[in-house]
C-alpha cells in the first residue's frame, strides 16, 4: 500500500492518503520517545516528515515507517484483510 500524501499534525499524528483513496489520521504518540523515535521528542523533528519516493513516511536520521502497517493501523484491518493470500498459506511437501 503506497502513501501518496501526508502531513504532520499535533501530538505525533499524521494525516495520510493512500493510493486507493483511503485517508485519515494515525496516532503515533505511542512510538514517541521509544528507541529511534526518541528523536521525535526534539522540537520540530516530527514535523520534518517527508514522503519518500517509494511511498512511505521518513524523518531525518533514517527513521521511516512501513506504509502497510500504517494502513492497518488507520483502518483496523488485519494482515489477512490487506493481504488475502495469507489466509491460505501454501502447503509444501
Protein backbone atom coordinates (compact mmCIF):
# COMPACT_ATOMS: atom_id res chain seq x y z
CA UNK A 1 0.00 0.00 0.00
CA UNK A 2 1.55 3.29 -1.08
CA UNK A 3 1.03 6.65 0.63
CA UNK A 4 0.53 9.47 -1.86
CA UNK A 5 0.08 12.37 0.55
CA UNK A 6 0.93 13.07 4.18
CA UNK A 7 1.06 15.93 6.62
CA UNK A 8 2.17 16.08 10.26
CA UNK A 9 -0.36 17.07 12.91
CA UNK A 10 -0.08 17.91 16.60
CA UNK A 11 0.67 15.28 19.25
CA UNK A 12 2.56 12.92 16.90
CA UNK A 13 -0.30 12.36 14.48
CA UNK A 14 -0.01 12.00 10.70
CA UNK A 15 -2.72 12.66 8.16
CA UNK A 16 -2.31 10.09 5.37
CA UNK A 17 -3.84 9.50 1.95
CA UNK A 18 -3.21 6.14 0.31
CA UNK A 19 -3.23 5.32 -3.38
CA UNK A 20 -6.57 3.52 -3.02
CA UNK A 21 -8.23 6.70 -1.68
CA UNK A 22 -8.24 5.72 1.99
CA UNK A 23 -7.33 8.68 4.16
CA UNK A 24 -7.31 9.69 7.79
CA UNK A 25 -5.11 10.37 10.78
CA UNK A 26 -2.97 7.88 12.64
CA UNK A 27 -1.79 8.46 16.19
CA UNK A 28 1.91 7.65 16.52
CA UNK A 29 2.33 9.03 20.03
CA UNK A 30 2.97 5.53 21.42
CA UNK A 31 6.23 5.48 19.42
CA UNK A 32 7.50 8.90 20.56
CA UNK A 33 10.45 8.59 22.92
CA UNK A 34 10.98 4.88 22.28
CA UNK A 35 14.10 3.59 20.50
CA UNK A 36 14.93 5.58 17.37
CA UNK A 37 11.72 7.56 17.86
CA UNK A 38 13.30 9.43 20.79
CA UNK A 39 14.33 11.91 18.06
CA UNK A 40 10.68 12.97 17.74
CA UNK A 41 10.85 14.47 21.23
CA UNK A 42 13.24 17.16 19.97
CA UNK A 43 11.27 20.24 18.92
CA UNK A 44 10.42 20.27 15.21
CA UNK A 45 11.75 16.82 14.29
CA UNK A 46 8.39 15.06 13.91
CA UNK A 47 7.20 17.91 11.67
CA UNK A 48 10.12 17.30 9.29
CA UNK A 49 8.45 14.16 7.92
CA UNK A 50 8.63 13.77 4.16
CA UNK A 51 7.08 11.36 1.71
CA UNK A 52 9.73 9.08 0.24
CA UNK A 53 9.57 8.25 -3.45
CA UNK A 54 8.68 4.66 -2.53
CA UNK A 55 5.55 5.89 -0.72
CA UNK A 56 6.45 5.77 2.95
CA UNK A 57 7.00 8.48 5.58
CA UNK A 58 10.56 9.25 6.59
CA UNK A 59 12.28 11.59 9.01
CA UNK A 60 15.83 12.91 9.34
CA UNK A 61 18.27 10.33 10.65
CA UNK A 62 16.90 7.46 8.58
CA UNK A 63 13.70 6.97 10.57
CA UNK A 64 10.84 5.58 8.50
CA UNK A 65 7.63 3.59 8.87
CA UNK A 66 6.04 0.85 6.80
CA UNK A 67 3.03 2.13 4.85
CA UNK A 68 1.27 -1.26 5.11
CA UNK A 69 1.49 -1.14 8.91
CA UNK A 70 0.16 2.44 8.89
CA UNK A 71 -2.73 1.40 6.63
CA UNK A 72 -3.67 -1.40 9.02
CA UNK A 73 -3.39 0.93 11.99
CA UNK A 74 -5.60 3.50 10.27
CA UNK A 75 -8.27 1.08 9.07
CA UNK A 76 -8.17 -1.54 11.83
CA UNK A 77 -7.71 -4.23 9.19
CA UNK A 78 -5.68 -7.36 9.85
CA UNK A 79 -2.76 -8.52 7.69
CA UNK A 80 -5.08 -11.18 6.24
CA UNK A 81 -7.57 -8.48 5.22
CA UNK A 82 -4.88 -6.48 3.45
CA UNK A 83 -3.06 -9.49 2.01
CA UNK A 84 -5.70 -12.20 1.33
CA UNK A 85 -3.04 -14.70 0.26
CA UNK A 86 -2.12 -15.01 3.95
CA UNK A 87 -5.45 -16.73 4.63
CA UNK A 88 -4.39 -19.80 2.68
CA UNK A 89 -0.65 -20.24 3.02
CA UNK A 90 0.94 -22.60 0.51
CA UNK A 91 1.45 -26.17 1.62
CA UNK A 92 4.90 -27.57 0.96
CA UNK A 93 5.79 -31.25 0.87
